[in-house]
Amino acid sequence: MIYGYLRVSSDEQDVNSQRQGVETCCKEHSWQIDKYITDEGESGGKDPDKRKLGPLLKLVTKGDKII
């Protein structure tokens, strides 16, 4: 599985611009995102388990990628 993880912490940031960056990276490597995980309005300093990142990290297995 390849996961696209998008996180923005403020109203000035936009997940769409992050999504474009992830998609550009994937095109360069011939990868395709299987699932996007989005944390909007979440600080990067917040415990990952209190964001969607924590459960995602517990879900991935060897060979998976998080972009």
Protein backbone atom coordinates (compact mmCIF):
# COMPACT_ATOMS: atom_id res chain seq x y z
CA MET A 1 0.00 0.00 0.00
CA ILE A 2 1.07 3.54 -0.63
CA TYR A 3 -0.46 6.15 1.65
CA GLY A 4 -0.52 9.88 1.03
CA TYR A 5 -0.42 11.68 4.39
CA LEU A 6 -1.53 15.31 4.30
CA ARG A 7 -1.42 17.55 7.38
CA VAL A 8 -2.19 21.21 7.71
CA SER A 9 -2.29 23.11 10.98
CA SER A 10 -3.75 26.46 10.00
CA ASP A 11 -6.37 28.01 7.76
CA GLU A 12 -3.60 29.56 5.65
CA GLN A 13 -2.39 26.12 4.61
CA ASP A 14 -4.12 24.00 2.01
CA VAL A 15 -4.17 20.20 1.69
CA ASN A 16 -4.67 20.57 -2.06
CA SER A 17 -1.20 22.06 -2.52
CA GLN A 18 0.26 19.22 -0.43
CA ARG A 19 -1.69 16.69 -2.49
CA GLN A 20 -0.16 18.15 -5.67
CA GLY A 21 3.32 17.74 -4.21
CA VAL A 22 2.62 14.14 -3.23
CA GLU A 23 1.20 13.37 -6.67
CA THR A 24 4.24 14.93 -8.37
CA CYS A 25 6.55 12.76 -6.26
CA CYS A 26 4.52 9.67 -7.11
CA LYS A 27 4.61 10.39 -10.83
CA GLU A 28 8.40 10.73 -10.69
CA HIS A 29 8.64 7.25 -9.11
CA SER A 30 5.74 5.59 -10.99
CA TRP A 31 3.84 5.09 -7.72
CA GLN A 32 0.10 5.36 -7.20
CA ILE A 33 -1.49 6.43 -3.92
CA ASP A 34 -3.88 3.77 -2.62
CA LYS A 35 -5.31 5.88 0.20
CA TYR A 36 -5.02 9.45 1.45
CA ILE A 37 -5.01 10.23 5.17
CA THR A 38 -5.68 13.86 6.07
CA ASP A 39 -5.16 15.75 9.35
CA GLU A 40 -6.57 19.26 9.03
CA GLY A 41 -6.07 21.82 11.78
CA GLU A 42 -3.66 19.53 13.64
CA SER A 43 -0.36 20.73 15.03
CA GLY A 44 2.71 18.65 14.22
CA GLY A 45 3.66 18.99 17.89
CA LYS A 46 0.55 17.10 18.94
CA ASP A 47 1.01 13.46 19.95
CA PRO A 48 0.74 11.33 16.76
CA ASP A 49 -1.77 9.06 18.52
CA LYS A 50 -4.10 12.04 18.90
CA ARG A 51 -3.92 12.64 15.15
CA LYS A 52 -4.57 10.27 12.26
CA LEU A 53 -0.82 9.74 11.91
CA GLY A 54 -0.59 7.45 14.96
CA PRO A 55 -3.16 4.91 13.75
CA LEU A 56 -1.60 5.08 10.26
CA LEU A 57 1.85 4.23 11.63
CA LYS A 58 0.35 1.21 13.42
CA LEU A 59 -1.37 0.10 10.19
CA VAL A 60 1.60 0.09 7.82
CA THR A 61 3.58 -3.05 7.21
CA LYS A 62 6.93 -3.81 5.60
CA GLY A 63 6.93 -2.61 2.01
CA ASP A 64 4.24 0.06 2.53
CA LYS A 65 5.08 3.67 1.84
CA ILE A 66 3.87 6.90 3.41
CA ILE A 67 4.35 9.92 1.18
